[in-house]
All heavy atoms as atom14 arrays in JSON, in Angstrom:
{
  "sequence": "ARLLAERLGVDPASVETNMVVLDGVNAPVLAEAAKAQGVLVSQVS",
  "atom14_mask": [
    [1, 1, 1, 1, 1, 0, 0, 0, 0, 0, 0, 0, 0, 0],
    [1, 1, 1, 1, 1, 1, 1, 1, 1, 1, 1, 0, 0, 0],
    [1, 1, 1, 1, 1, 1, 1, 1, 0, 0, 0, 0, 0, 0],
    [1, 1, 1, 1, 1, 1, 1, 1, 0, 0, 0, 0, 0, 0],
    [1, 1, 1, 1, 1, 0, 0, 0, 0, 0, 0, 0, 0, 0],
    [1, 1, 1, 1, 1, 1, 1, 1, 1, 0, 0, 0, 0, 0],
    [1, 1, 1, 1, 1, 1, 1, 1, 1, 1, 1, 0, 0, 0],
    [1, 1, 1, 1, 1, 1, 1, 1, 0, 0, 0, 0, 0, 0],
    [1, 1, 1, 1, 0, 0, 0, 0, 0, 0, 0, 0, 0, 0],
    [1, 1, 1, 1, 1, 1, 1, 0, 0, 0, 0, 0, 0, 0],
    [1, 1, 1, 1, 1, 1, 1, 1, 0, 0, 0, 0, 0, 0],
    [1, 1, 1, 1, 1, 1, 1, 0, 0, 0, 0, 0, 0, 0],
    [1, 1, 1, 1, 1, 0, 0, 0, 0, 0, 0, 0, 0, 0],
    [1, 1, 1, 1, 1, 1, 0, 0, 0, 0, 0, 0, 0, 0],
    [1, 1, 1, 1, 1, 1, 1, 0, 0, 0, 0, 0, 0, 0],
    [1, 1, 1, 1, 1, 1, 1, 1, 1, 0, 0, 0, 0, 0],
    [1, 1, 1, 1, 1, 1, 1, 0, 0, 0, 0, 0, 0, 0],
    [1, 1, 1, 1, 1, 1, 1, 1, 0, 0, 0, 0, 0, 0],
    [1, 1, 1, 1, 1, 1, 1, 1, 0, 0, 0, 0, 0, 0],
    [1, 1, 1, 1, 1, 1, 1, 0, 0, 0, 0, 0, 0, 0],
    [1, 1, 1, 1, 1, 1, 1, 0, 0, 0, 0, 0, 0, 0],
    [1, 1, 1, 1, 1, 1, 1, 1, 0, 0, 0, 0, 0, 0],
    [1, 1, 1, 1, 1, 1, 1, 1, 0, 0, 0, 0, 0, 0],
    [1, 1, 1, 1, 0, 0, 0, 0, 0, 0, 0, 0, 0, 0],
    [1, 1, 1, 1, 1, 1, 1, 0, 0, 0, 0, 0, 0, 0],
    [1, 1, 1, 1, 1, 1, 1, 1, 0, 0, 0, 0, 0, 0],
    [1, 1, 1, 1, 1, 0, 0, 0, 0, 0, 0, 0, 0, 0],
    [1, 1, 1, 1, 1, 1, 1, 0, 0, 0, 0, 0, 0, 0],
    [1, 1, 1, 1, 1, 1, 1, 0, 0, 0, 0, 0, 0, 0],
    [1, 1, 1, 1, 1, 1, 1, 1, 0, 0, 0, 0, 0, 0],
    [1, 1, 1, 1, 1, 0, 0, 0, 0, 0, 0, 0, 0, 0],
    [1, 1, 1, 1, 1, 1, 1, 1, 1, 0, 0, 0, 0, 0],
    [1, 1, 1, 1, 1, 0, 0, 0, 0, 0, 0, 0, 0, 0],
    [1, 1, 1, 1, 1, 0, 0, 0, 0, 0, 0, 0, 0, 0],
    [1, 1, 1, 1, 1, 1, 1, 1, 1, 0, 0, 0, 0, 0],
    [1, 1, 1, 1, 1, 0, 0, 0, 0, 0, 0, 0, 0, 0],
    [1, 1, 1, 1, 1, 1, 1, 1, 1, 0, 0, 0, 0, 0],
    [1, 1, 1, 1, 0, 0, 0, 0, 0, 0, 0, 0, 0, 0],
    [1, 1, 1, 1, 1, 1, 1, 0, 0, 0, 0, 0, 0, 0],
    [1, 1, 1, 1, 1, 1, 1, 1, 0, 0, 0, 0, 0, 0],
    [1, 1, 1, 1, 1, 1, 1, 0, 0, 0, 0, 0, 0, 0],
    [1, 1, 1, 1, 1, 1, 0, 0, 0, 0, 0, 0, 0, 0],
    [1, 1, 1, 1, 1, 1, 1, 1, 1, 0, 0, 0, 0, 0],
    [1, 1, 1, 1, 1, 1, 1, 0, 0, 0, 0, 0, 0, 0],
    [1, 1, 1, 1, 1, 1, 0, 0, 0, 0, 0, 0, 0, 0]
  ],
  "atom14_positions": [
    [[167.0, 118.34, 109.03], [166.34, 118.09, 107.73], [164.88, 117.8, 107.98], [164.04, 118.34, 107.17], [167.03, 116.94, 107.07], [0.0, 0.0, 0.0], [0.0, 0.0, 0.0], [0.0, 0.0, 0.0], [0.0, 0.0, 0.0], [0.0, 0.0, 0.0], [0.0, 0.0, 0.0], [0.0, 0.0, 0.0], [0.0, 0.0, 0.0], [0.0, 0.0, 0.0]],
    [[164.52, 117.08, 108.96], [163.11, 116.79, 109.26], [162.4, 118.04, 109.65], [161.22, 118.26, 109.29], [163.0, 115.69, 110.29], [163.36, 114.28, 109.78], [163.01, 113.24, 110.79], [163.86, 113.28, 111.94], [164.99, 112.62, 112.09], [165.46, 111.92, 111.08], [165.7, 112.71, 113.21], [0.0, 0.0, 0.0], [0.0, 0.0, 0.0], [0.0, 0.0, 0.0]],
    [[163.05, 118.88, 110.49], [162.4, 120.13, 110.86], [162.19, 121.05, 109.64], [161.12, 121.64, 109.51], [163.34, 120.87, 111.85], [162.94, 122.31, 112.27], [161.58, 122.27, 112.97], [164.02, 122.91, 113.1], [0.0, 0.0, 0.0], [0.0, 0.0, 0.0], [0.0, 0.0, 0.0], [0.0, 0.0, 0.0], [0.0, 0.0, 0.0], [0.0, 0.0, 0.0]],
    [[163.16, 121.11, 108.76], [163.04, 121.95, 107.57], [161.92, 121.39, 106.68], [161.08, 122.18, 106.18], [164.38, 121.9, 106.81], [164.48, 122.82, 105.54], [164.24, 124.24, 105.86], [165.81, 122.59, 104.88], [0.0, 0.0, 0.0], [0.0, 0.0, 0.0], [0.0, 0.0, 0.0], [0.0, 0.0, 0.0], [0.0, 0.0, 0.0], [0.0, 0.0, 0.0]],
    [[161.8, 120.04, 106.56], [160.76, 119.51, 105.81], [159.41, 119.85, 106.4], [158.46, 120.23, 105.64], [160.93, 117.93, 105.75], [0.0, 0.0, 0.0], [0.0, 0.0, 0.0], [0.0, 0.0, 0.0], [0.0, 0.0, 0.0], [0.0, 0.0, 0.0], [0.0, 0.0, 0.0], [0.0, 0.0, 0.0], [0.0, 0.0, 0.0], [0.0, 0.0, 0.0]],
    [[159.26, 119.74, 107.66], [158.0, 120.08, 108.34], [157.61, 121.52, 108.08], [156.42, 121.81, 107.78], [158.1, 119.81, 109.8], [156.8, 120.0, 110.63], [156.99, 119.7, 112.05], [158.13, 119.3, 112.53], [155.96, 119.91, 112.81], [0.0, 0.0, 0.0], [0.0, 0.0, 0.0], [0.0, 0.0, 0.0], [0.0, 0.0, 0.0], [0.0, 0.0, 0.0]],
    [[158.51, 122.42, 108.2], [158.27, 123.84, 108.0], [157.8, 124.11, 106.56], [157.1, 125.07, 106.3], [159.55, 124.69, 108.28], [159.98, 124.65, 109.76], [159.1, 125.55, 110.59], [159.72, 125.82, 111.86], [159.67, 125.04, 112.98], [158.99, 123.93, 112.95], [160.31, 125.31, 114.06], [0.0, 0.0, 0.0], [0.0, 0.0, 0.0], [0.0, 0.0, 0.0]],
    [[158.34, 123.34, 105.56], [158.05, 123.53, 104.17], [156.88, 122.7, 103.64], [156.61, 122.72, 102.45], [159.3, 123.28, 103.36], [160.53, 124.2, 103.66], [161.71, 123.77, 102.84], [160.17, 125.66, 103.43], [0.0, 0.0, 0.0], [0.0, 0.0, 0.0], [0.0, 0.0, 0.0], [0.0, 0.0, 0.0], [0.0, 0.0, 0.0], [0.0, 0.0, 0.0]],
    [[156.23, 122.01, 104.52], [155.12, 121.25, 104.1], [155.43, 119.87, 103.42], [154.62, 119.28, 102.73], [0.0, 0.0, 0.0], [0.0, 0.0, 0.0], [0.0, 0.0, 0.0], [0.0, 0.0, 0.0], [0.0, 0.0, 0.0], [0.0, 0.0, 0.0], [0.0, 0.0, 0.0], [0.0, 0.0, 0.0], [0.0, 0.0, 0.0], [0.0, 0.0, 0.0]],
    [[156.61, 119.42, 103.64], [157.1, 118.13, 103.15], [156.97, 117.1, 104.26], [157.3, 117.41, 105.41], [158.58, 118.18, 102.64], [159.04, 116.78, 102.21], [158.71, 119.17, 101.55], [0.0, 0.0, 0.0], [0.0, 0.0, 0.0], [0.0, 0.0, 0.0], [0.0, 0.0, 0.0], [0.0, 0.0, 0.0], [0.0, 0.0, 0.0], [0.0, 0.0, 0.0]],
    [[156.5, 115.96, 103.93], [156.28, 114.93, 104.97], [157.63, 114.59, 105.67], [158.54, 114.07, 104.97], [155.69, 113.68, 104.32], [155.39, 112.57, 105.36], [155.66, 112.78, 106.56], [155.01, 111.43, 104.91], [0.0, 0.0, 0.0], [0.0, 0.0, 0.0], [0.0, 0.0, 0.0], [0.0, 0.0, 0.0], [0.0, 0.0, 0.0], [0.0, 0.0, 0.0]],
    [[157.78, 114.86, 106.89], [159.07, 114.54, 107.56], [159.45, 113.07, 107.5], [160.66, 112.74, 107.51], [158.87, 115.03, 109.01], [157.76, 116.0, 108.94], [156.88, 115.54, 107.85], [0.0, 0.0, 0.0], [0.0, 0.0, 0.0], [0.0, 0.0, 0.0], [0.0, 0.0, 0.0], [0.0, 0.0, 0.0], [0.0, 0.0, 0.0], [0.0, 0.0, 0.0]],
    [[158.45, 112.2, 107.43], [158.72, 110.79, 107.36], [159.45, 110.39, 106.07], [160.05, 109.27, 105.96], [157.39, 110.04, 107.45], [0.0, 0.0, 0.0], [0.0, 0.0, 0.0], [0.0, 0.0, 0.0], [0.0, 0.0, 0.0], [0.0, 0.0, 0.0], [0.0, 0.0, 0.0], [0.0, 0.0, 0.0], [0.0, 0.0, 0.0], [0.0, 0.0, 0.0]],
    [[159.37, 111.28, 105.05], [160.05, 111.01, 103.81], [161.53, 111.36, 103.83], [162.25, 111.07, 102.88], [159.37, 111.74, 102.62], [159.59, 113.14, 102.74], [0.0, 0.0, 0.0], [0.0, 0.0, 0.0], [0.0, 0.0, 0.0], [0.0, 0.0, 0.0], [0.0, 0.0, 0.0], [0.0, 0.0, 0.0], [0.0, 0.0, 0.0], [0.0, 0.0, 0.0]],
    [[161.93, 111.96, 104.91], [163.36, 112.41, 105.02], [164.05, 111.42, 105.94], [163.89, 111.32, 107.15], [163.4, 113.81, 105.7], [164.85, 114.25, 105.9], [162.64, 114.83, 104.77], [0.0, 0.0, 0.0], [0.0, 0.0, 0.0], [0.0, 0.0, 0.0], [0.0, 0.0, 0.0], [0.0, 0.0, 0.0], [0.0, 0.0, 0.0], [0.0, 0.0, 0.0]],
    [[164.96, 110.64, 105.31], [165.65, 109.6, 106.06], [166.96, 110.09, 106.64], [167.36, 109.59, 107.68], [165.86, 108.36, 105.13], [164.58, 107.69, 104.65], [164.89, 106.41, 103.89], [165.93, 105.76, 104.17], [164.11, 106.07, 103.02], [0.0, 0.0, 0.0], [0.0, 0.0, 0.0], [0.0, 0.0, 0.0], [0.0, 0.0, 0.0], [0.0, 0.0, 0.0]],
    [[167.62, 111.0, 105.97], [168.89, 111.45, 106.45], [168.98, 113.0, 106.4], [168.23, 113.62, 107.1], [170.08, 110.8, 105.69], [169.9, 111.02, 104.28], [170.13, 109.29, 106.0], [0.0, 0.0, 0.0], [0.0, 0.0, 0.0], [0.0, 0.0, 0.0], [0.0, 0.0, 0.0], [0.0, 0.0, 0.0], [0.0, 0.0, 0.0], [0.0, 0.0, 0.0]],
    [[169.81, 113.51, 105.58], [170.09, 114.98, 105.63], [169.65, 115.68, 104.35], [170.15, 116.78, 104.08], [171.54, 115.25, 105.85], [172.49, 114.76, 104.74], [172.18, 113.8, 104.11], [173.57, 115.48, 104.52], [0.0, 0.0, 0.0], [0.0, 0.0, 0.0], [0.0, 0.0, 0.0], [0.0, 0.0, 0.0], [0.0, 0.0, 0.0], [0.0, 0.0, 0.0]],
    [[168.73, 115.12, 103.57], [168.24, 115.74, 102.34], [166.74, 115.92, 102.32], [166.03, 115.0, 102.69], [168.71, 114.93, 101.14], [170.23, 114.81, 101.01], [170.67, 114.02, 99.43], [172.48, 113.86, 99.68], [0.0, 0.0, 0.0], [0.0, 0.0, 0.0], [0.0, 0.0, 0.0], [0.0, 0.0, 0.0], [0.0, 0.0, 0.0], [0.0, 0.0, 0.0]],
    [[166.33, 117.1, 101.85], [164.91, 117.43, 101.65], [164.72, 117.78, 100.19], [165.46, 118.56, 99.65], [164.5, 118.61, 102.59], [163.01, 118.93, 102.38], [164.78, 118.29, 104.07], [0.0, 0.0, 0.0], [0.0, 0.0, 0.0], [0.0, 0.0, 0.0], [0.0, 0.0, 0.0], [0.0, 0.0, 0.0], [0.0, 0.0, 0.0], [0.0, 0.0, 0.0]],
    [[163.61, 117.35, 99.62], [163.34, 117.63, 98.23], [162.04, 118.4, 98.1], [160.99, 118.07, 98.75], [163.16, 116.31, 97.43], [162.91, 116.62, 95.97], [164.44, 115.51, 97.59], [0.0, 0.0, 0.0], [0.0, 0.0, 0.0], [0.0, 0.0, 0.0], [0.0, 0.0, 0.0], [0.0, 0.0, 0.0], [0.0, 0.0, 0.0], [0.0, 0.0, 0.0]],
    [[162.09, 119.47, 97.32], [160.88, 120.19, 96.95], [160.54, 119.87, 95.51], [161.32, 120.23, 94.56], [161.14, 121.73, 97.13], [161.52, 122.2, 98.53], [161.8, 123.72, 98.47], [160.46, 121.84, 99.53], [0.0, 0.0, 0.0], [0.0, 0.0, 0.0], [0.0, 0.0, 0.0], [0.0, 0.0, 0.0], [0.0, 0.0, 0.0], [0.0, 0.0, 0.0]],
    [[159.42, 119.22, 95.3], [159.01, 118.82, 93.93], [157.92, 119.79, 93.44], [157.18, 120.43, 94.25], [158.42, 117.4, 94.0], [159.53, 116.39, 93.83], [160.42, 116.57, 93.01], [159.49, 115.38, 94.57], [0.0, 0.0, 0.0], [0.0, 0.0, 0.0], [0.0, 0.0, 0.0], [0.0, 0.0, 0.0], [0.0, 0.0, 0.0], [0.0, 0.0, 0.0]],
    [[157.79, 119.79, 92.11], [156.72, 120.61, 91.5], [156.87, 122.1, 91.7], [155.89, 122.8, 91.7], [0.0, 0.0, 0.0], [0.0, 0.0, 0.0], [0.0, 0.0, 0.0], [0.0, 0.0, 0.0], [0.0, 0.0, 0.0], [0.0, 0.0, 0.0], [0.0, 0.0, 0.0], [0.0, 0.0, 0.0], [0.0, 0.0, 0.0], [0.0, 0.0, 0.0]],
    [[158.15, 122.62, 91.71], [158.35, 124.01, 91.87], [159.08, 124.55, 90.58], [159.57, 123.76, 89.78], [159.27, 124.31, 93.07], [158.55, 123.85, 94.33], [160.6, 123.65, 92.98], [0.0, 0.0, 0.0], [0.0, 0.0, 0.0], [0.0, 0.0, 0.0], [0.0, 0.0, 0.0], [0.0, 0.0, 0.0], [0.0, 0.0, 0.0], [0.0, 0.0, 0.0]],
    [[159.04, 125.83, 90.43], [159.84, 126.47, 89.36], [161.24, 126.65, 89.92], [161.56, 127.66, 90.5], [159.21, 127.81, 88.96], [159.89, 128.43, 87.73], [161.08, 128.16, 87.48], [159.15, 129.19, 86.97], [0.0, 0.0, 0.0], [0.0, 0.0, 0.0], [0.0, 0.0, 0.0], [0.0, 0.0, 0.0], [0.0, 0.0, 0.0], [0.0, 0.0, 0.0]],
    [[162.08, 125.63, 89.68], [163.34, 125.57, 90.4], [164.27, 126.77, 90.08], [164.83, 127.34, 91.03], [164.05, 124.25, 90.1], [0.0, 0.0, 0.0], [0.0, 0.0, 0.0], [0.0, 0.0, 0.0], [0.0, 0.0, 0.0], [0.0, 0.0, 0.0], [0.0, 0.0, 0.0], [0.0, 0.0, 0.0], [0.0, 0.0, 0.0], [0.0, 0.0, 0.0]],
    [[164.47, 127.17, 88.84], [165.33, 128.27, 88.55], [164.89, 129.58, 89.24], [165.7, 130.31, 89.81], [165.33, 128.4, 87.08], [164.9, 127.07, 86.56], [163.97, 126.58, 87.58], [0.0, 0.0, 0.0], [0.0, 0.0, 0.0], [0.0, 0.0, 0.0], [0.0, 0.0, 0.0], [0.0, 0.0, 0.0], [0.0, 0.0, 0.0], [0.0, 0.0, 0.0]],
    [[163.59, 129.82, 89.19], [163.08, 131.07, 89.81], [163.19, 131.02, 91.33], [163.64, 131.99, 91.99], [161.57, 131.26, 89.42], [160.97, 132.43, 90.19], [161.46, 131.55, 87.91], [0.0, 0.0, 0.0], [0.0, 0.0, 0.0], [0.0, 0.0, 0.0], [0.0, 0.0, 0.0], [0.0, 0.0, 0.0], [0.0, 0.0, 0.0], [0.0, 0.0, 0.0]],
    [[162.8, 129.89, 91.95], [162.91, 129.74, 93.37], [164.37, 129.85, 93.83], [164.63, 130.51, 94.83], [162.31, 128.41, 93.79], [162.31, 128.11, 95.27], [161.51, 129.13, 96.09], [161.77, 126.7, 95.55], [0.0, 0.0, 0.0], [0.0, 0.0, 0.0], [0.0, 0.0, 0.0], [0.0, 0.0, 0.0], [0.0, 0.0, 0.0], [0.0, 0.0, 0.0]],
    [[165.26, 129.24, 93.14], [166.66, 129.27, 93.56], [167.25, 130.66, 93.52], [167.95, 131.08, 94.43], [167.48, 128.35, 92.68], [0.0, 0.0, 0.0], [0.0, 0.0, 0.0], [0.0, 0.0, 0.0], [0.0, 0.0, 0.0], [0.0, 0.0, 0.0], [0.0, 0.0, 0.0], [0.0, 0.0, 0.0], [0.0, 0.0, 0.0], [0.0, 0.0, 0.0]],
    [[166.91, 131.42, 92.48], [167.44, 132.81, 92.36], [166.83, 133.69, 93.38], [167.5, 134.53, 94.01], [167.2, 133.29, 90.96], [168.11, 132.82, 89.88], [169.57, 133.11, 90.2], [169.89, 134.28, 90.54], [170.41, 132.2, 90.18], [0.0, 0.0, 0.0], [0.0, 0.0, 0.0], [0.0, 0.0, 0.0], [0.0, 0.0, 0.0], [0.0, 0.0, 0.0]],
    [[165.55, 133.56, 93.65], [164.85, 134.39, 94.64], [165.41, 134.04, 96.04], [165.6, 134.96, 96.86], [163.38, 134.17, 94.61], [0.0, 0.0, 0.0], [0.0, 0.0, 0.0], [0.0, 0.0, 0.0], [0.0, 0.0, 0.0], [0.0, 0.0, 0.0], [0.0, 0.0, 0.0], [0.0, 0.0, 0.0], [0.0, 0.0, 0.0], [0.0, 0.0, 0.0]],
    [[165.65, 132.78, 96.3], [166.2, 132.36, 97.64], [167.64, 132.96, 97.8], [168.0, 133.45, 98.84], [166.18, 130.88, 97.76], [0.0, 0.0, 0.0], [0.0, 0.0, 0.0], [0.0, 0.0, 0.0], [0.0, 0.0, 0.0], [0.0, 0.0, 0.0], [0.0, 0.0, 0.0], [0.0, 0.0, 0.0], [0.0, 0.0, 0.0], [0.0, 0.0, 0.0]],
    [[168.41, 132.86, 96.71], [169.76, 133.39, 96.74], [169.78, 134.85, 97.06], [170.65, 135.33, 97.83], [170.48, 133.07, 95.45], [171.89, 133.55, 95.38], [172.55, 133.19, 94.01], [173.96, 133.59, 93.97], [174.58, 133.26, 92.63], [0.0, 0.0, 0.0], [0.0, 0.0, 0.0], [0.0, 0.0, 0.0], [0.0, 0.0, 0.0], [0.0, 0.0, 0.0]],
    [[168.87, 135.59, 96.5], [168.82, 137.02, 96.74], [168.53, 137.32, 98.21], [168.94, 138.44, 98.66], [167.68, 137.64, 95.84], [0.0, 0.0, 0.0], [0.0, 0.0, 0.0], [0.0, 0.0, 0.0], [0.0, 0.0, 0.0], [0.0, 0.0, 0.0], [0.0, 0.0, 0.0], [0.0, 0.0, 0.0], [0.0, 0.0, 0.0], [0.0, 0.0, 0.0]],
    [[167.98, 136.35, 98.95], [167.72, 136.54, 100.38], [168.69, 135.76, 101.24], [168.5, 135.55, 102.42], [166.28, 136.15, 100.71], [165.23, 137.05, 99.99], [163.82, 136.81, 100.56], [163.6, 136.8, 101.75], [162.85, 136.62, 99.65], [0.0, 0.0, 0.0], [0.0, 0.0, 0.0], [0.0, 0.0, 0.0], [0.0, 0.0, 0.0], [0.0, 0.0, 0.0]],
    [[169.75, 135.31, 100.62], [170.87, 134.74, 101.38], [170.68, 133.24, 101.66], [171.36, 132.67, 102.52], [0.0, 0.0, 0.0], [0.0, 0.0, 0.0], [0.0, 0.0, 0.0], [0.0, 0.0, 0.0], [0.0, 0.0, 0.0], [0.0, 0.0, 0.0], [0.0, 0.0, 0.0], [0.0, 0.0, 0.0], [0.0, 0.0, 0.0], [0.0, 0.0, 0.0]],
    [[169.86, 132.53, 100.9], [169.63, 131.1, 101.12], [170.03, 130.4, 99.83], [169.38, 130.67, 98.72], [168.23, 130.69, 101.53], [168.06, 129.24, 101.6], [167.87, 131.37, 102.81], [0.0, 0.0, 0.0], [0.0, 0.0, 0.0], [0.0, 0.0, 0.0], [0.0, 0.0, 0.0], [0.0, 0.0, 0.0], [0.0, 0.0, 0.0], [0.0, 0.0, 0.0]],
    [[171.06, 129.57, 99.82], [171.52, 128.82, 98.62], [170.91, 127.42, 98.61], [171.0, 126.71, 99.56], [173.0, 128.79, 98.58], [173.78, 130.12, 98.7], [175.29, 129.94, 98.61], [173.27, 131.1, 97.63], [0.0, 0.0, 0.0], [0.0, 0.0, 0.0], [0.0, 0.0, 0.0], [0.0, 0.0, 0.0], [0.0, 0.0, 0.0], [0.0, 0.0, 0.0]],
    [[170.33, 127.08, 97.48], [169.74, 125.73, 97.33], [170.24, 125.16, 95.96], [170.82, 125.84, 95.13], [168.25, 125.82, 97.31], [167.68, 126.36, 98.68], [167.66, 126.62, 96.12], [0.0, 0.0, 0.0], [0.0, 0.0, 0.0], [0.0, 0.0, 0.0], [0.0, 0.0, 0.0], [0.0, 0.0, 0.0], [0.0, 0.0, 0.0], [0.0, 0.0, 0.0]],
    [[169.99, 123.87, 95.78], [170.5, 123.19, 94.6], [169.35, 122.81, 93.69], [168.35, 122.23, 94.13], [171.25, 121.86, 94.97], [171.71, 121.2, 93.87], [0.0, 0.0, 0.0], [0.0, 0.0, 0.0], [0.0, 0.0, 0.0], [0.0, 0.0, 0.0], [0.0, 0.0, 0.0], [0.0, 0.0, 0.0], [0.0, 0.0, 0.0], [0.0, 0.0, 0.0]],
    [[169.46, 123.16, 92.43], [168.46, 122.81, 91.42], [168.92, 121.42, 90.83], [169.97, 121.32, 90.27], [168.41, 123.8, 90.26], [168.1, 125.2, 90.69], [168.17, 126.17, 89.49], [167.54, 125.94, 88.5], [168.99, 127.19, 89.6], [0.0, 0.0, 0.0], [0.0, 0.0, 0.0], [0.0, 0.0, 0.0], [0.0, 0.0, 0.0], [0.0, 0.0, 0.0]],
    [[168.06, 120.44, 91.01], [168.38, 119.11, 90.44], [167.61, 118.81, 89.15], [167.86, 117.83, 88.49], [168.3, 118.0, 91.46], [169.36, 118.18, 92.54], [166.87, 118.0, 92.08], [0.0, 0.0, 0.0], [0.0, 0.0, 0.0], [0.0, 0.0, 0.0], [0.0, 0.0, 0.0], [0.0, 0.0, 0.0], [0.0, 0.0, 0.0], [0.0, 0.0, 0.0]],
    [[166.61, 119.62, 88.91], [165.82, 119.55, 87.69], [165.06, 120.82, 87.53], [164.99, 121.61, 88.41], [164.84, 118.34, 87.66], [163.64, 118.64, 88.32], [0.0, 0.0, 0.0], [0.0, 0.0, 0.0], [0.0, 0.0, 0.0], [0.0, 0.0, 0.0], [0.0, 0.0, 0.0], [0.0, 0.0, 0.0], [0.0, 0.0, 0.0], [0.0, 0.0, 0.0]]
  ]
}
């Protein structure tokens, strides 16, 4: 999770366990585009 955060420009220090949050994104568009490339993510807002 910390590695993923670092790769995505999220502060790894903000990741305490196994969850990474991407804020300020167009969640529906990003989720569909990622799914089309084989990566499934969760939209929480």
